[in-house]
C-alpha atoms as a PDB file:
ATOM      1  CA  UNK A   1    -210.936-141.675   7.843  1.00  0.00           C
ATOM      2  CA  UNK A   2    -213.848-139.625   6.802  1.00  0.00           C
ATOM      3  CA  UNK A   3    -211.037-135.954   5.649  1.00  0.00           C
ATOM      4  CA  UNK A   4    -209.520-139.143   3.170  1.00  0.00           C
ATOM      5  CA  UNK A   5    -212.435-139.892   2.173  1.00  0.00           C
ATOM      6  CA  UNK A   6    -213.414-136.098   1.441  1.00  0.00           C
ATOM      7  CA  UNK A   7    -210.449-135.126   0.252  1.00  0.00           C
ATOM      8  CA  UNK A   8    -210.003-137.858  -2.758  1.00  0.00           C
ATOM      9  CA  UNK A   9    -213.851-137.070  -3.745  1.00  0.00           C
ATOM     10  CA  UNK A  10    -212.433-133.504  -3.905  1.00  0.00           C
ATOM     11  CA  UNK A  11    -209.877-134.351  -6.084  1.00  0.00           C
ATOM     12  CA  UNK A  12    -212.340-136.658  -8.552  1.00  0.00           C
ATOM     13  CA  UNK A  13    -214.741-134.476  -8.695  1.00  0.00           C
ATOM     14  CA  UNK A  14    -211.452-131.367  -9.671  1.00  0.00           C
ATOM     15  CA  UNK A  15    -210.461-133.945 -12.595  1.00  0.00           C
ATOM     16  CA  UNK A  16    -214.431-134.687 -14.231  1.00  0.00           C
ATOM     17  CA  UNK A  17    -214.736-130.490 -13.788  1.00  0.00           C
ATOM     18  CA  UNK A  18    -211.305-129.770 -16.222  1.00  0.00           C
ATOM     19  CA  UNK A  19    -212.107-132.529 -18.661  1.00  0.00           C
ATOM     20  CA  UNK A  20    -215.756-130.912 -18.742  1.00  0.00           C
ATOM     21  CA  UNK A  21    -213.985-127.873 -19.915  1.00  0.00           C
ATOM     22  CA  UNK A  22    -211.950-129.088 -21.788  1.00  0.00           C
ATOM     23  CA  UNK A  23    -214.057-130.601 -23.946  1.00  0.00           C
ATOM     24  CA  UNK A  24    -216.570-127.288 -24.081  1.00  0.00           C
ATOM     25  CA  UNK A  25    -213.138-125.181 -25.407  1.00  0.00           C
ATOM     26  CA  UNK A  26    -212.773-127.845 -28.327  1.00  0.00           C
ATOM     27  CA  UNK A  27    -215.662-127.424 -30.364  1.00  0.00           C
ATOM     28  CA  UNK A  28    -216.883-123.773 -31.005  1.00  0.00           C
ATOM     29  CA  UNK A  29    -212.417-123.956 -33.095  1.00  0.00           C
ATOM     30  CA  UNK A  30    -213.858-127.135 -34.436  1.00  0.00           C
ATOM     31  CA  UNK A  31    -216.789-125.346 -35.451  1.00  0.00           C
ATOM     32  CA  UNK A  32    -215.545-122.031 -36.786  1.00  0.00           C
ATOM     33  CA  UNK A  33    -213.026-124.547 -38.598  1.00  0.00           C
ATOM     34  CA  UNK A  34    -216.004-126.106 -40.790  1.00  0.00           C
ATOM     35  CA  UNK A  35    -217.746-122.614 -41.121  1.00  0.00           C
ATOM     36  CA  UNK A  36    -214.824-121.162 -42.798  1.00  0.00           C
ATOM     37  CA  UNK A  37    -215.135-123.583 -45.693  1.00  0.00           C
ATOM     38  CA  UNK A  38    -218.393-121.969 -46.640  1.00  0.00           C
ATOM     39  CA  UNK A  39    -217.886-118.262 -47.393  1.00  0.00           C
ATOM     40  CA  UNK A  40    -218.761-116.539 -50.357  1.00  0.00           C
ATOM     41  CA  UNK A  41    -215.176-115.893 -51.159  1.00  0.00           C
ATOM     42  CA  UNK A  42    -215.271-120.623 -52.155  1.00  0.00           C
ATOM     43  CA  UNK A  43    -216.355-120.175 -55.546  1.00  0.00           C
ATOM     44  CA  UNK A  44    -215.585-122.681 -56.415  1.00  0.00           C
ATOM     45  CA  UNK A  45    -219.246-125.609 -55.526  1.00  0.00           C
ATOM     46  CA  UNK A  46    -221.101-126.727 -58.436  1.00  0.00           C
ATOM     47  CA  UNK A  47    -223.870-124.572 -60.349  1.00  0.00           C
ATOM     48  CA  UNK A  48    -226.866-126.334 -60.273  1.00  0.00           C
ATOM     49  CA  UNK A  49    -228.803-128.710 -58.508  1.00  0.00           C
ATOM     50  CA  UNK A  50    -229.331-132.097 -60.268  1.00  0.00           C
ATOM     51  CA  UNK A  51    -231.586-134.423 -57.680  1.00  0.00           C
ATOM     52  CA  UNK A  52    -234.725-134.855 -58.085  1.00  0.00           C
ATOM     53  CA  UNK A  53    -235.359-132.510 -61.581  1.00  0.00           C
ATOM     54  CA  UNK A  54    -238.930-133.467 -63.591  1.00  0.00           C
ATOM     55  CA  UNK A  55    -238.414-130.998 -66.497  1.00  0.00           C
ATOM     56  CA  UNK A  56    -234.992-129.185 -68.602  1.00  0.00           C
ATOM     57  CA  UNK A  57    -235.762-126.341 -70.543  1.00  0.00           C
ATOM     58  CA  UNK A  58    -232.775-124.762 -72.688  1.00  0.00           C
ATOM     59  CA  UNK A  59    -233.883-121.195 -73.910  1.00  0.00           C
ATOM     60  CA  UNK A  60    -231.397-119.716 -76.286  1.00  0.00           C
ATOM     61  CA  UNK A  61    -231.389-115.687 -78.147  1.00  0.00           C
ATOM     62  CA  UNK A  62    -230.716-114.198 -74.206  1.00  0.00           C
ATOM     63  CA  UNK A  63    -233.624-116.155 -72.494  1.00  0.00           C
ATOM     64  CA  UNK A  64    -235.874-115.245 -75.182  1.00  0.00           C
ATOM     65  CA  UNK A  65    -238.378-117.119 -77.419  1.00  0.00           C
ATOM     66  CA  UNK A  66    -239.701-120.544 -78.051  1.00  0.00           C
ATOM     67  CA  UNK A  67    -237.119-122.939 -75.639  1.00  0.00           C
ATOM     68  CA  UNK A  68    -236.822-126.665 -76.049  1.00  0.00           C
ATOM     69  CA  UNK A  69    -237.808-129.483 -73.504  1.00  0.00           C
ATOM     70  CA  UNK A  70    -235.063-132.307 -72.498  1.00  0.00           C
ATOM     71  CA  UNK A  71    -236.160-135.626 -73.702  1.00  0.00           C
ATOM     72  CA  UNK A  72    -236.023-138.991 -71.251  1.00  0.00           C
ATOM     73  CA  UNK A  73    -233.375-140.396 -73.116  1.00  0.00           C
ATOM     74  CA  UNK A  74    -231.243-137.511 -72.658  1.00  0.00           C
ATOM     75  CA  UNK A  75    -231.971-136.373 -69.227  1.00  0.00           C
ATOM     76  CA  UNK A  76    -228.806-138.751 -68.072  1.00  0.00           C
ATOM     77  CA  UNK A  77    -226.638-136.825 -70.109  1.00  0.00           C
ATOM     78  CA  UNK A  78    -227.122-133.572 -69.791  1.00  0.00           C
ATOM     79  CA  UNK A  79    -227.565-133.353 -65.661  1.00  0.00           C
ATOM     80  CA  UNK A  80    -224.427-135.351 -65.538  1.00  0.00           C
ATOM     81  CA  UNK A  81    -223.192-132.107 -67.687  1.00  0.00           C
ATOM     82  CA  UNK A  82    -225.207-129.494 -65.979  1.00  0.00           C
ATOM     83  CA  UNK A  83    -223.569-131.544 -62.785  1.00  0.00           C
ATOM     84  CA  UNK A  84    -219.840-130.055 -63.967  1.00  0.00           C
ATOM     85  CA  UNK A  85    -220.756-127.338 -63.732  1.00  0.00           C
ATOM     86  CA  UNK A  86    -218.556-125.411 -61.470  1.00  0.00           C
ATOM     87  CA  UNK A  87    -217.858-121.205 -60.889  1.00  0.00           C
ATOM     88  CA  UNK A  88    -214.355-119.601 -61.775  1.00  0.00           C
ATOM     89  CA  UNK A  89    -212.443-117.404 -59.737  1.00  0.00           C
ATOM     90  CA  UNK A  90    -212.764-114.904 -62.625  1.00  0.00           C
ATOM     91  CA  UNK A  91    -214.874-112.589 -62.906  1.00  0.00           C
ATOM     92  CA  UNK A  92    -217.024-110.501 -66.041  1.00  0.00           C
ATOM     93  CA  UNK A  93    -218.035-108.000 -64.496  1.00  0.00           C
ATOM     94  CA  UNK A  94    -216.986-105.183 -66.253  1.00  0.00           C
ATOM     95  CA  UNK A  95    -216.202-107.262 -69.590  1.00  0.00           C
ATOM     96  CA  UNK A  96    -218.434-110.442 -69.873  1.00  0.00           C
ATOM     97  CA  UNK A  97    -216.729-111.645 -73.800  1.00  0.00           C
ATOM     98  CA  UNK A  98    -219.357-111.556 -76.016  1.00  0.00           C
ATOM     99  CA  UNK A  99    -221.861-114.226 -76.444  1.00  0.00           C
ATOM    100  CA  UNK A 100    -222.126-114.542 -73.004  1.00  0.00           C
ATOM    101  CA  UNK A 101    -225.365-116.341 -71.673  1.00  0.00           C
ATOM    102  CA  UNK A 102    -226.578-116.795 -75.434  1.00  0.00           C
ATOM    103  CA  UNK A 103    -227.994-119.467 -74.144  1.00  0.00           C
ATOM    104  CA  UNK A 104    -230.137-120.090 -70.938  1.00  0.00           C
ATOM    105  CA  UNK A 105    -231.684-122.632 -69.498  1.00  0.00           C
ATOM    106  CA  UNK A 106    -235.079-123.626 -66.933  1.00  0.00           C
ATOM    107  CA  UNK A 107    -234.816-126.281 -64.178  1.00  0.00           C
ATOM    108  CA  UNK A 108    -238.254-127.113 -62.313  1.00  0.00           C
ATOM    109  CA  UNK A 109    -238.100-129.194 -59.539  1.00  0.00           C
ATOM    110  CA  UNK A 110    -240.240-131.234 -57.634  1.00  0.00           C
ATOM    111  CA  UNK A 111    -240.621-129.390 -55.104  1.00  0.00           C
ATOM    112  CA  UNK A 112    -242.205-127.242 -57.908  1.00  0.00           C
ATOM    113  CA  UNK A 113    -239.122-124.912 -57.763  1.00  0.00           C
ATOM    114  CA  UNK A 114    -237.794-123.181 -60.774  1.00  0.00           C
ATOM    115  CA  UNK A 115    -234.183-122.069 -60.943  1.00  0.00           C
ATOM    116  CA  UNK A 116    -233.309-119.700 -64.591  1.00  0.00           C
ATOM    117  CA  UNK A 117    -229.492-119.487 -65.131  1.00  0.00           C
ATOM    118  CA  UNK A 118    -227.403-118.537 -68.191  1.00  0.00           C
ATOM    119  CA  UNK A 119    -224.918-121.072 -69.208  1.00  0.00           C
ATOM    120  CA  UNK A 120    -221.524-118.486 -69.147  1.00  0.00           C
ATOM    121  CA  UNK A 121    -222.097-116.271 -66.309  1.00  0.00           C
ATOM    122  CA  UNK A 122    -223.441-116.245 -62.722  1.00  0.00           C
ATOM    123  CA  UNK A 123    -224.244-113.414 -60.381  1.00  0.00           C
ATOM    124  CA  UNK A 124    -222.687-114.080 -56.328  1.00  0.00           C
ATOM    125  CA  UNK A 125    -223.352-111.394 -53.846  1.00  0.00           C
ATOM    126  CA  UNK A 126    -223.318-108.943 -56.606  1.00  0.00           C
ATOM    127  CA  UNK A 127    -220.442-109.596 -58.625  1.00  0.00           C
ATOM    128  CA  UNK A 128    -220.470-111.345 -62.480  1.00  0.00           C
ATOM    129  CA  UNK A 129    -218.796-114.894 -62.241  1.00  0.00           C
ATOM    130  CA  UNK A 130    -217.106-117.001 -65.223  1.00  0.00           C
ATOM    131  CA  UNK A 131    -218.850-120.614 -65.152  1.00  0.00           C
ATOM    132  CA  UNK A 132    -216.144-123.731 -65.978  1.00  0.00           C
ATOM    133  CA  UNK A 133    -218.203-127.514 -67.440  1.00  0.00           C
ATOM    134  CA  UNK A 134    -217.118-130.279 -69.502  1.00  0.00           C
ATOM    135  CA  UNK A 135    -217.778-129.983 -73.109  1.00  0.00           C
ATOM    136  CA  UNK A 136    -221.198-129.959 -74.151  1.00  0.00           C
ATOM    137  CA  UNK A 137    -222.885-132.937 -75.074  1.00  0.00           C
ATOM    138  CA  UNK A 138    -223.583-134.852 -78.755  1.00  0.00           C
ATOM    139  CA  UNK A 139    -227.220-134.063 -77.439  1.00  0.00           C
ATOM    140  CA  UNK A 140    -226.920-129.687 -76.759  1.00  0.00           C
ATOM    141  CA  UNK A 141    -227.224-129.004 -79.932  1.00  0.00           C
ATOM    142  CA  UNK A 142    -229.919-130.753 -81.035  1.00  0.00           C
ATOM    143  CA  UNK A 143    -231.755-129.620 -77.875  1.00  0.00           C
ATOM    144  CA  UNK A 144    -231.009-125.629 -79.024  1.00  0.00           C
ATOM    145  CA  UNK A 145    -231.719-126.117 -82.757  1.00  0.00           C
ATOM    146  CA  UNK A 146    -235.744-126.440 -81.681  1.00  0.00           C
ATOM    147  CA  UNK A 147    -235.525-123.507 -79.705  1.00  0.00           C
ATOM    148  CA  UNK A 148    -236.772-120.109 -81.543  1.00  0.00           C
ATOM    149  CA  UNK A 149    -238.782-117.090 -81.158  1.00  0.00           C
ATOM    150  CA  UNK A 150    -242.370-117.488 -81.058  1.00  0.00           C
ATOM    151  CA  UNK A 151    -244.111-116.128 -84.247  1.00  0.00           C
ATOM    152  CA  UNK A 152    -244.981-112.821 -82.117  1.00  0.00           C
ATOM    153  CA  UNK A 153    -240.931-112.057 -82.600  1.00  0.00           C
ATOM    154  CA  UNK A 154    -238.430-110.646 -85.020  1.00  0.00           C
ATOM    155  CA  UNK A 155    -235.683-108.830 -85.327  1.00  0.00           C
ATOM    156  CA  UNK A 156    -236.036-105.754 -83.524  1.00  0.00           C
ATOM    157  CA  UNK A 157    -237.077-108.661 -80.118  1.00  0.00           C
ATOM    158  CA  UNK A 158    -233.681-110.270 -80.960  1.00  0.00           C
ATOM    159  CA  UNK A 159    -231.676-106.277 -80.762  1.00  0.00           C
ATOM    160  CA  UNK A 160    -233.722-105.203 -77.348  1.00  0.00           C
ATOM    161  CA  UNK A 161    -232.784-108.552 -76.427  1.00  0.00           C
ATOM    162  CA  UNK A 162    -229.058-108.468 -77.404  1.00  0.00           C
ATOM    163  CA  UNK A 163    -228.750-104.694 -76.205  1.00  0.00           C
ATOM    164  CA  UNK A 164    -229.458-105.780 -72.532  1.00  0.00           C
ATOM    165  CA  UNK A 165    -227.443-108.399 -72.335  1.00  0.00           C
ATOM    166  CA  UNK A 166    -224.669-106.078 -73.252  1.00  0.00           C
ATOM    167  CA  UNK A 167    -225.664-103.234 -72.213  1.00  0.00           C
ATOM    168  CA  UNK A 168    -222.028-103.108 -68.929  1.00  0.00           C
ATOM    169  CA  UNK A 169    -219.857-103.291 -72.091  1.00  0.00           C
ATOM    170  CA  UNK A 170    -220.896-101.157 -74.616  1.00  0.00           C
ATOM    171  CA  UNK A 171    -221.791 -97.173 -75.021  1.00  0.00           C
ATOM    172  CA  UNK A 172    -223.000 -96.428 -78.223  1.00  0.00           C
ATOM    173  CA  UNK A 173    -225.165 -97.786 -80.537  1.00  0.00           C
ATOM    174  CA  UNK A 174    -225.934 -97.527 -84.852  1.00  0.00           C
ATOM    175  CA  UNK A 175    -228.957 -99.432 -87.345  1.00  0.00           C
ATOM    176  CA  UNK A 176    -226.179 -99.515 -90.041  1.00  0.00           C
ATOM    177  CA  UNK A 177    -227.757-100.882 -93.725  1.00  0.00           C
ATOM    178  CA  UNK A 178    -224.783-103.978 -95.002  1.00  0.00           C
ATOM    179  CA  UNK A 179    -226.333-105.714 -97.659  1.00  0.00           C
ATOM    180  CA  UNK A 180    -229.769-105.928 -99.577  1.00  0.00           C
ATOM    181  CA  UNK A 181    -231.991-107.146 -96.947  1.00  0.00           C
ATOM    182  CA  UNK A 182    -234.991-104.599 -94.723  1.00  0.00           C
ATOM    183  CA  UNK A 183    -233.451-105.816 -91.728  1.00  0.00           C
ATOM    184  CA  UNK A 184    -229.987-103.318 -90.341  1.00  0.00           C
ATOM    185  CA  UNK A 185    -227.613-105.013 -89.118  1.00  0.00           C
ATOM    186  CA  UNK A 186    -226.783-103.015 -84.884  1.00  0.00           C
ATOM    187  CA  UNK A 187    -223.360-101.163 -84.294  1.00  0.00           C
ATOM    188  CA  UNK A 188    -222.024-101.022 -80.449  1.00  0.00           C
ATOM    189  CA  UNK A 189    -218.875 -99.255 -79.807  1.00  0.00           C
ATOM    190  CA  UNK A 190    -216.916-101.236 -76.649  1.00  0.00           C
ATOM    191  CA  UNK A 191    -216.634 -98.996 -73.560  1.00  0.00           C
ATOM    192  CA  UNK A 192    -212.601 -99.836 -73.294  1.00  0.00           C
ATOM    193  CA  UNK A 193    -210.262-100.884 -76.687  1.00  0.00           C
ATOM    194  CA  UNK A 194    -210.136-104.909 -75.352  1.00  0.00           C
ATOM    195  CA  UNK A 195    -213.984-104.341 -75.346  1.00  0.00           C
ATOM    196  CA  UNK A 196    -213.410-103.379 -79.471  1.00  0.00           C
ATOM    197  CA  UNK A 197    -215.709-103.242 -81.378  1.00  0.00           C
ATOM    198  CA  UNK A 198    -218.980-105.500 -82.696  1.00  0.00           C
ATOM    199  CA  UNK A 199    -221.339-105.271 -85.910  1.00  0.00           C
ATOM    200  CA  UNK A 200    -224.402-108.152 -85.425  1.00  0.00           C
ATOM    201  CA  UNK A 201    -226.732-109.299 -87.791  1.00  0.00           C
ATOM    202  CA  UNK A 202    -229.143-111.397 -88.218  1.00  0.00           C
ATOM    203  CA  UNK A 203    -230.067-114.989 -89.005  1.00  0.00           C
ATOM    204  CA  UNK A 204    -231.699-117.470 -88.810  1.00  0.00           C
ATOM    205  CA  UNK A 205    -233.788-116.282 -85.571  1.00  0.00           C
ATOM    206  CA  UNK A 206    -230.938-115.094 -84.482  1.00  0.00           C
ATOM    207  CA  UNK A 207    -228.136-112.517 -83.520  1.00  0.00           C
ATOM    208  CA  UNK A 208    -224.660-113.468 -85.555  1.00  0.00           C
ATOM    209  CA  UNK A 209    -221.932-111.428 -83.695  1.00  0.00           C
ATOM    210  CA  UNK A 210    -218.714-110.157 -85.690  1.00  0.00           C
ATOM    211  CA  UNK A 211    -215.909-108.285 -83.101  1.00  0.00           C
ATOM    212  CA  UNK A 212    -214.317-105.503 -84.885  1.00  0.00           C
ATOM    213  CA  UNK A 213    -210.215-104.668 -82.735  1.00  0.00           C
ATOM    214  CA  UNK A 214    -210.108-101.729 -82.061  1.00  0.00           C
ATOM    215  CA  UNK A 215    -212.867 -98.574 -81.013  1.00  0.00           C
ATOM    216  CA  UNK A 216    -213.516 -96.741 -84.277  1.00  0.00           C
ATOM    217  CA  UNK A 217    -211.959 -98.909 -86.224  1.00  0.00           C
ATOM    218  CA  UNK A 218    -214.695-100.224 -88.527  1.00  0.00           C
ATOM    219  CA  UNK A 219    -215.839 -98.923 -91.681  1.00  0.00           C
ATOM    220  CA  UNK A 220    -218.428-100.270 -94.600  1.00  0.00           C
ATOM    221  CA  UNK A 221    -220.577 -99.283 -98.044  1.00  0.00           C
ATOM    222  CA  UNK A 222    -223.791 -99.869 -97.903  1.00  0.00           C
ATOM    223  CA  UNK A 223    -225.603-102.645 -99.033  1.00  0.00           C
ATOM    224  CA  UNK A 224    -222.755-103.566 -99.856  1.00  0.00           C
ATOM    225  CA  UNK A 225    -221.266-105.930 -97.611  1.00  0.00           C
ATOM    226  CA  UNK A 226    -218.294-105.139 -96.748  1.00  0.00           C
ATOM    227  CA  UNK A 227    -216.538-104.684 -93.506  1.00  0.00           C
ATOM    228  CA  UNK A 228    -212.973-103.635 -92.920  1.00  0.00           C
ATOM    229  CA  UNK A 229    -211.768-103.338 -89.608  1.00  0.00           C
ATOM    230  CA  UNK A 230    -208.079-101.951 -89.058  1.00  0.00           C
ATOM    231  CA  UNK A 231    -206.053-102.100 -85.741  1.00  0.00           C
ATOM    232  CA  UNK A 232    -202.134-100.616 -84.896  1.00  0.00           C
ATOM    233  CA  UNK A 233    -200.667 -99.969 -82.189  1.00  0.00           C
ATOM    234  CA  UNK A 234    -196.553-100.224 -80.785  1.00  0.00           C
ATOM    235  CA  UNK A 235    -196.078-100.360 -84.624  1.00  0.00           C
ATOM    236  CA  UNK A 236    -198.543-103.468 -85.722  1.00  0.00           C
ATOM    237  CA  UNK A 237    -200.933-102.820 -87.823  1.00  0.00           C
ATOM    238  CA  UNK A 238    -203.531-105.781 -88.896  1.00  0.00           C
ATOM    239  CA  UNK A 239    -205.960-105.672 -91.098  1.00  0.00           C
ATOM    240  CA  UNK A 240    -209.309-107.522 -92.499  1.00  0.00           C
ATOM    241  CA  UNK A 241    -212.236-107.325 -94.760  1.00  0.00           C
ATOM    242  CA  UNK A 242    -215.412-108.815 -93.931  1.00  0.00           C
ATOM    243  CA  UNK A 243    -218.397-109.971 -96.224  1.00  0.00           C
ATOM    244  CA  UNK A 244    -221.931-110.248 -95.047  1.00  0.00           C
ATOM    245  CA  UNK A 245    -223.892-113.190 -96.120  1.00  0.00           C
ATOM    246  CA  UNK A 246    -227.363-115.483 -95.737  1.00  0.00           C
ATOM    247  CA  UNK A 247    -225.070-117.164 -93.058  1.00  0.00           C
ATOM    248  CA  UNK A 248    -223.269-114.441 -90.988  1.00  0.00           C
ATOM    249  CA  UNK A 249    -220.317-112.821 -91.708  1.00  0.00           C
ATOM    250  CA  UNK A 250    -216.301-114.098 -93.104  1.00  0.00           C
ATOM    251  CA  UNK A 251    -213.299-113.362 -93.447  1.00  0.00           C
ATOM    252  CA  UNK A 252    -212.394-112.781 -96.917  1.00  0.00           C
ATOM    253  CA  UNK A 253    -209.221-110.310 -96.095  1.00  0.00           C
ATOM    254  CA  UNK A 254    -206.235-109.904 -93.743  1.00  0.00           C
ATOM    255  CA  UNK A 255    -202.987-108.720 -93.890  1.00  0.00           C
ATOM    256  CA  UNK A 256    -200.637-107.017 -91.401  1.00  0.00           C
ATOM    257  CA  UNK A 257    -197.444-105.405 -91.024  1.00  0.00           C
ATOM    258  CA  UNK A 258    -195.286-104.653 -87.987  1.00  0.00           C
ATOM    259  CA  UNK A 259    -192.452-102.506 -87.845  1.00  0.00           C
ATOM    260  CA  UNK A 260    -189.836-103.426 -85.487  1.00  0.00           C
ATOM    261  CA  UNK A 261    -187.850-100.042 -85.696  1.00  0.00           C
ATOM    262  CA  UNK A 262    -185.067-101.922 -88.111  1.00  0.00           C
ATOM    263  CA  UNK A 263    -187.209-103.017 -90.642  1.00  0.00           C
ATOM    264  CA  UNK A 264    -190.481-103.166 -91.484  1.00  0.00           C
ATOM    265  CA  UNK A 265    -192.143-106.525 -92.409  1.00  0.00           C
ATOM    266  CA  UNK A 266    -195.654-106.518 -94.550  1.00  0.00           C
ATOM    267  CA  UNK A 267    -197.959-109.632 -95.518  1.00  0.00           C
ATOM    268  CA  UNK A 268    -201.111-110.959 -97.370  1.00  0.00           C
ATOM    269  CA  UNK A 269    -202.094-113.823 -94.915  1.00  0.00           C
ATOM    270  CA  UNK A 270    -199.444-116.279 -94.069  1.00  0.00           C
ATOM    271  CA  UNK A 271    -196.839-114.591 -97.178  1.00  0.00           C
ATOM    272  CA  UNK A 272    -194.246-112.064 -97.067  1.00  0.00           C
ATOM    273  CA  UNK A 273    -194.434-109.348 -99.760  1.00  0.00           C
ATOM    274  CA  UNK A 274    -192.842-106.096 -99.806  1.00  0.00           C
ATOM    275  CA  UNK A 275    -194.717-102.529 -99.363  1.00  0.00           C
ATOM    276  CA  UNK A 276    -196.080-101.829-102.579  1.00  0.00           C
ATOM    277  CA  UNK A 277    -197.689-105.469-103.226  1.00  0.00           C
ATOM    278  CA  UNK A 278    -199.031-104.716 -99.184  1.00  0.00           C
ATOM    279  CA  UNK A 279    -200.710-101.428-100.570  1.00  0.00           C
ATOM    280  CA  UNK A 280    -201.513-102.459-103.611  1.00  0.00           C
ATOM    281  CA  UNK A 281    -203.757-106.268-102.164  1.00  0.00           C
ATOM    282  CA  UNK A 282    -205.078-103.505 -99.638  1.00  0.00           C
ATOM    283  CA  UNK A 283    -206.402-101.783-102.359  1.00  0.00           C
ATOM    284  CA  UNK A 284    -208.048-103.698-103.669  1.00  0.00           C
ATOM    285  CA  UNK A 285    -209.479-106.445-100.868  1.00  0.00           C
ATOM    286  CA  UNK A 286    -211.809-102.608 -99.641  1.00  0.00           C
ATOM    287  CA  UNK A 287    -213.533 -99.856-101.726  1.00  0.00           C
ATOM    288  CA  UNK A 288    -211.983 -97.274 -99.167  1.00  0.00           C
ATOM    289  CA  UNK A 289    -213.763 -94.504-101.018  1.00  0.00           C
ATOM    290  CA  UNK A 290    -217.093 -95.797-101.267  1.00  0.00           C
ATOM    291  CA  UNK A 291    -217.174 -96.434 -98.139  1.00  0.00           C
ATOM    292  CA  UNK A 292    -218.804 -94.832 -94.468  1.00  0.00           C
ATOM    293  CA  UNK A 293    -217.187 -95.357 -90.316  1.00  0.00           C
ATOM    294  CA  UNK A 294    -219.797 -97.537 -88.941  1.00  0.00           C
ATOM    295  CA  UNK A 295    -220.144 -95.565 -85.091  1.00  0.00           C
ATOM    296  CA  UNK A 296    -221.059 -92.585 -87.846  1.00  0.00           C
ATOM    297  CA  UNK A 297    -224.583 -91.746 -86.031  1.00  0.00           C
ATOM    298  CA  UNK A 298    -224.020 -93.756 -83.139  1.00  0.00           C
ATOM    299  CA  UNK A 299    -226.191 -92.675 -80.048  1.00  0.00           C
ATOM    300  CA  UNK A 300    -226.359 -93.557 -76.446  1.00  0.00           C
ATOM    301  CA  UNK A 301    -227.601 -97.352 -75.332  1.00  0.00           C
ATOM    302  CA  UNK A 302    -232.055 -95.733 -74.839  1.00  0.00           C
ATOM    303  CA  UNK A 303    -231.787 -94.027 -78.266  1.00  0.00           C
ATOM    304  CA  UNK A 304    -231.508 -96.662 -80.164  1.00  0.00           C
ATOM    305  CA  UNK A 305    -233.492 -98.568 -78.006  1.00  0.00           C
ATOM    306  CA  UNK A 306    -236.328 -96.456 -79.565  1.00  0.00           C
ATOM    307  CA  UNK A 307    -235.564 -96.741 -83.147  1.00  0.00           C
ATOM    308  CA  UNK A 308    -235.543-100.555 -83.668  1.00  0.00           C
ATOM    309  CA  UNK A 309    -239.004 -99.854 -81.546  1.00  0.00           C
ATOM    310  CA  UNK A 310    -239.758 -97.069 -83.500  1.00  0.00           C
ATOM    311  CA  UNK A 311    -238.188 -98.931 -86.611  1.00  0.00           C
ATOM    312  CA  UNK A 312    -241.369 -99.358 -89.128  1.00  0.00           C
END
């Protein structure tokens, strides 16, 4: 009897031990699966923490100058908008789009922590990623309109900050006089054809940029406000003429020719024309004999910053 009781007792003990071992093996597997959802490759997480926020301030001009605080009335709408920000799988390391992170946000939390971030791109594990978000709320335009450069800042500060934000995408730069005021325009030449060139001006306290097709494809007439931009690729030639006004750059003329090996077609705007009409319209749109290339006298990043600093 004692032997039978002992055998039964040992069997029951073995069953409990087996159950305990099975439980211990399952637990690590579940923990590993949960951890995998938080690997660095998972970049679709929200960007901003929107709880316990005590202040939100927006800045323009790449974070320079005076910011604009969000009022208590607009705070709920801005918080909902910031809550919609997520990180796109698309990286923006080499060629961030023109105007990237023009606007910045500064968020202060109840525990005293302050976070500053651009509204177009974020850096994660050393890589730049574009941000996705809902359309800007109506109140944002009013808030951002109250930002400004400080009274001690000028076009020199704005250009310098702009160059710092763009230096990874461009290789050479120049200061050129396109209109009749005393503030020069800023030319930037891209590091590849995909980036192209850009011409910038300083208007109403901020930098206004006009992208140009092709590296080295821009010409200007000094003090006239006119820019000629020509781009050609695989039999397709496009021509744009821009005018610099008080409000910025305005497209005043565009034309293109398309050569498909069998015939060549010409357009002025949307209208198809003959070659002679095309040539006459291009010649009338811009006086090429008076023009100079925008890239003439272009210098590297350190030199253009020195030129801006030393400018009277």
